[in-house]
């Protein structure tokens, strides 16, 4: 199962994800808490590229491919 929390920045996605992961652990369901982009070593590099103001000239297609590469890494977890 792959559960995501979506919303605007600062709305509490990480807080709710941590709460859910904690609850799952309590009831004996293993989980992996991660973030996108990020969550893996390569994902952290992708995150840095996407969030770096120096890379504002990235084309929308290039940005999409970076997000998709990160998602592919998550699906291997």
N, C-alpha and C. Protein backbone atom coordinates (compact mmCIF):
# COMPACT_ATOMS: atom_id res chain seq x y z
N UNK A 1 0.85 -1.16 0.00
CA UNK A 1 0.00 0.00 0.00
C UNK A 1 0.90 1.24 0.00
N UNK A 2 0.53 2.22 -0.76
CA UNK A 2 1.29 3.47 -0.88
C UNK A 2 0.34 4.60 -0.49
N UNK A 3 0.59 5.24 0.64
CA UNK A 3 -0.28 6.32 1.13
C UNK A 3 0.46 7.64 0.99
N UNK A 4 -0.20 8.63 0.44
CA UNK A 4 0.40 9.96 0.33
C UNK A 4 -0.47 10.99 1.01
N UNK A 5 0.16 12.03 1.50
CA UNK A 5 -0.53 13.20 2.04
C UNK A 5 -0.19 14.36 1.12
N UNK A 6 -1.19 15.02 0.62
CA UNK A 6 -0.97 16.14 -0.28
C UNK A 6 -1.61 17.40 0.27
N UNK A 7 -1.00 18.53 -0.04
CA UNK A 7 -1.53 19.81 0.39
C UNK A 7 -0.48 20.89 0.23
N UNK A 8 -0.88 22.10 0.54
CA UNK A 8 0.04 23.22 0.41
C UNK A 8 1.11 23.17 1.49
N UNK A 9 2.18 23.90 1.27
CA UNK A 9 3.29 23.94 2.21
C UNK A 9 2.81 24.46 3.56
N UNK A 10 3.20 23.75 4.61
CA UNK A 10 2.88 24.19 5.97
C UNK A 10 1.50 23.78 6.47
N UNK A 11 0.80 22.92 5.75
CA UNK A 11 -0.57 22.56 6.16
C UNK A 11 -0.61 21.37 7.12
N UNK A 12 0.55 20.73 7.38
CA UNK A 12 0.58 19.64 8.35
C UNK A 12 0.72 18.24 7.75
N UNK A 13 1.14 18.15 6.51
CA UNK A 13 1.30 16.83 5.87
C UNK A 13 2.29 15.96 6.63
N UNK A 14 3.44 16.51 6.94
CA UNK A 14 4.47 15.73 7.65
C UNK A 14 3.99 15.33 9.03
N UNK A 15 3.32 16.23 9.71
CA UNK A 15 2.79 15.94 11.04
C UNK A 15 1.81 14.77 10.98
N UNK A 16 0.89 14.81 10.05
CA UNK A 16 -0.11 13.74 9.93
C UNK A 16 0.54 12.43 9.50
N UNK A 17 1.52 12.50 8.61
CA UNK A 17 2.21 11.28 8.17
C UNK A 17 2.93 10.63 9.34
N UNK A 18 3.59 11.43 10.17
CA UNK A 18 4.29 10.90 11.35
C UNK A 18 3.30 10.28 12.32
N UNK A 19 2.16 10.93 12.51
CA UNK A 19 1.13 10.39 13.41
C UNK A 19 0.62 9.05 12.90
N UNK A 20 0.36 8.96 11.60
CA UNK A 20 -0.12 7.70 11.02
C UNK A 20 0.94 6.61 11.15
N UNK A 21 2.19 6.93 10.84
CA UNK A 21 3.27 5.94 10.95
C UNK A 21 3.39 5.43 12.38
N UNK A 22 3.27 6.35 13.34
CA UNK A 22 3.33 5.96 14.75
C UNK A 22 2.18 5.04 15.13
N UNK A 23 0.99 5.36 14.66
CA UNK A 23 -0.19 4.54 14.96
C UNK A 23 -0.06 3.17 14.31
N UNK A 24 0.40 3.12 13.08
CA UNK A 24 0.59 1.83 12.42
C UNK A 24 1.58 0.96 13.18
N UNK A 25 2.65 1.59 13.68
CA UNK A 25 3.65 0.85 14.45
C UNK A 25 3.03 0.26 15.71
N UNK A 26 2.21 1.06 16.40
CA UNK A 26 1.56 0.61 17.63
C UNK A 26 0.70 -0.62 17.39
N UNK A 27 0.02 -0.67 16.25
CA UNK A 27 -0.86 -1.82 15.98
C UNK A 27 -0.17 -2.92 15.18
N UNK A 28 1.16 -2.80 15.04
CA UNK A 28 1.94 -3.88 14.45
C UNK A 28 2.00 -3.91 12.93
N UNK A 29 1.71 -2.79 12.30
CA UNK A 29 1.80 -2.72 10.84
C UNK A 29 3.06 -1.96 10.47
N UNK A 30 4.02 -2.63 9.82
CA UNK A 30 5.26 -1.93 9.45
C UNK A 30 5.00 -0.88 8.38
N UNK A 31 5.76 0.19 8.44
CA UNK A 31 5.62 1.25 7.44
C UNK A 31 6.97 1.91 7.20
N UNK A 32 7.06 2.61 6.10
CA UNK A 32 8.25 3.40 5.77
C UNK A 32 7.78 4.83 5.61
N UNK A 33 8.33 5.73 6.42
CA UNK A 33 7.98 7.14 6.34
C UNK A 33 9.04 7.84 5.49
N UNK A 34 8.60 8.50 4.47
CA UNK A 34 9.53 9.14 3.54
C UNK A 34 8.90 10.43 3.03
N UNK A 35 9.59 11.13 2.16
CA UNK A 35 9.05 12.34 1.57
C UNK A 35 9.45 12.42 0.11
N UNK A 36 8.66 13.18 -0.64
CA UNK A 36 8.96 13.37 -2.07
C UNK A 36 8.98 14.85 -2.39
N UNK A 37 9.93 15.32 -3.11
CA UNK A 37 11.12 14.56 -3.49
C UNK A 37 12.04 14.40 -2.29
N UNK A 38 12.77 13.35 -2.26
CA UNK A 38 13.67 13.05 -1.16
C UNK A 38 13.42 11.65 -0.65
N UNK A 39 13.88 11.37 0.54
CA UNK A 39 13.63 10.07 1.13
C UNK A 39 14.68 9.02 0.83
N UNK A 40 15.49 9.24 -0.19
CA UNK A 40 16.61 8.37 -0.52
C UNK A 40 17.81 9.28 -0.79
N UNK A 41 18.99 8.70 -0.88
CA UNK A 41 20.18 9.52 -1.15
C UNK A 41 20.04 10.25 -2.48
N UNK A 42 19.63 9.53 -3.52
CA UNK A 42 19.44 10.18 -4.82
C UNK A 42 18.28 11.16 -4.75
N UNK A 43 17.23 10.78 -4.04
CA UNK A 43 16.07 11.66 -3.88
C UNK A 43 16.43 12.98 -3.22
N UNK A 44 17.36 12.94 -2.27
CA UNK A 44 17.81 14.18 -1.63
C UNK A 44 18.53 15.07 -2.64
N UNK A 45 19.31 14.45 -3.52
CA UNK A 45 19.96 15.23 -4.58
C UNK A 45 18.91 15.86 -5.51
N UNK A 46 17.91 15.08 -5.86
CA UNK A 46 16.83 15.60 -6.71
C UNK A 46 16.12 16.75 -6.01
N UNK A 47 15.85 16.59 -4.72
CA UNK A 47 15.19 17.64 -3.94
C UNK A 47 16.01 18.93 -3.96
N UNK A 48 17.33 18.79 -3.75
CA UNK A 48 18.20 19.98 -3.77
C UNK A 48 18.15 20.68 -5.13
N UNK A 49 18.17 19.91 -6.19
CA UNK A 49 18.10 20.50 -7.55
C UNK A 49 16.79 21.25 -7.73
N UNK A 50 15.68 20.62 -7.34
CA UNK A 50 14.37 21.23 -7.55
C UNK A 50 14.15 22.48 -6.70
N UNK A 51 14.72 22.50 -5.49
CA UNK A 51 14.48 23.62 -4.58
C UNK A 51 15.52 24.73 -4.69
N UNK A 52 16.59 24.50 -5.44
CA UNK A 52 17.65 25.49 -5.58
C UNK A 52 17.19 26.62 -6.52
N UNK A 53 17.19 27.84 -6.01
CA UNK A 53 16.76 29.00 -6.81
C UNK A 53 17.61 29.21 -8.06
N UNK A 54 18.82 28.66 -8.07
CA UNK A 54 19.68 28.79 -9.26
C UNK A 54 19.13 27.98 -10.44
N UNK A 55 18.21 27.06 -10.16
CA UNK A 55 17.68 26.19 -11.21
C UNK A 55 16.29 26.60 -11.67
N UNK A 56 15.98 27.87 -11.55
CA UNK A 56 14.65 28.34 -11.96
C UNK A 56 14.42 28.24 -13.46
N UNK A 57 15.49 28.04 -14.22
CA UNK A 57 15.33 27.94 -15.67
C UNK A 57 15.06 26.49 -16.13
N UNK A 58 14.86 25.57 -15.18
CA UNK A 58 14.51 24.20 -15.56
C UNK A 58 13.19 24.22 -16.33
N UNK A 59 13.14 23.50 -17.41
CA UNK A 59 11.89 23.44 -18.17
C UNK A 59 10.87 22.61 -17.37
N UNK A 60 9.59 22.85 -17.58
CA UNK A 60 8.57 22.05 -16.89
C UNK A 60 8.75 20.55 -17.14
N UNK A 61 9.15 20.18 -18.34
CA UNK A 61 9.35 18.76 -18.64
C UNK A 61 10.53 18.19 -17.85
N UNK A 62 11.61 18.95 -17.72
CA UNK A 62 12.76 18.51 -16.93
C UNK A 62 12.37 18.33 -15.47
N UNK A 63 11.60 19.28 -14.96
CA UNK A 63 11.14 19.20 -13.58
C UNK A 63 10.26 17.96 -13.38
N UNK A 64 9.36 17.72 -14.33
CA UNK A 64 8.50 16.54 -14.27
C UNK A 64 9.32 15.26 -14.22
N UNK A 65 10.34 15.17 -15.08
CA UNK A 65 11.16 13.97 -15.11
C UNK A 65 11.92 13.76 -13.79
N UNK A 66 12.35 14.84 -13.16
CA UNK A 66 13.02 14.71 -11.86
C UNK A 66 12.05 14.16 -10.81
N UNK A 67 10.82 14.69 -10.79
CA UNK A 67 9.81 14.18 -9.86
C UNK A 67 9.51 12.71 -10.15
N UNK A 68 9.41 12.36 -11.42
CA UNK A 68 9.12 10.97 -11.79
C UNK A 68 10.27 10.03 -11.42
N UNK A 69 11.50 10.50 -11.57
CA UNK A 69 12.65 9.69 -11.16
C UNK A 69 12.60 9.43 -9.66
N UNK A 70 12.25 10.45 -8.90
CA UNK A 70 12.14 10.29 -7.45
C UNK A 70 11.02 9.31 -7.11
N UNK A 71 9.88 9.43 -7.78
CA UNK A 71 8.76 8.51 -7.52
C UNK A 71 9.18 7.07 -7.84
N UNK A 72 9.92 6.87 -8.92
CA UNK A 72 10.37 5.52 -9.28
C UNK A 72 11.25 4.93 -8.18
N UNK A 73 12.08 5.76 -7.57
CA UNK A 73 12.91 5.29 -6.45
C UNK A 73 12.03 4.86 -5.28
N UNK A 74 10.98 5.62 -5.01
CA UNK A 74 10.08 5.27 -3.91
C UNK A 74 9.34 3.96 -4.17
N UNK A 75 8.99 3.72 -5.39
CA UNK A 75 8.23 2.51 -5.70
C UNK A 75 9.09 1.26 -5.56
N UNK A 76 10.41 1.42 -5.53
CA UNK A 76 11.32 0.28 -5.33
C UNK A 76 11.49 -0.05 -3.85
N UNK A 77 11.07 0.86 -2.97
CA UNK A 77 11.27 0.66 -1.52
C UNK A 77 10.48 -0.52 -1.00
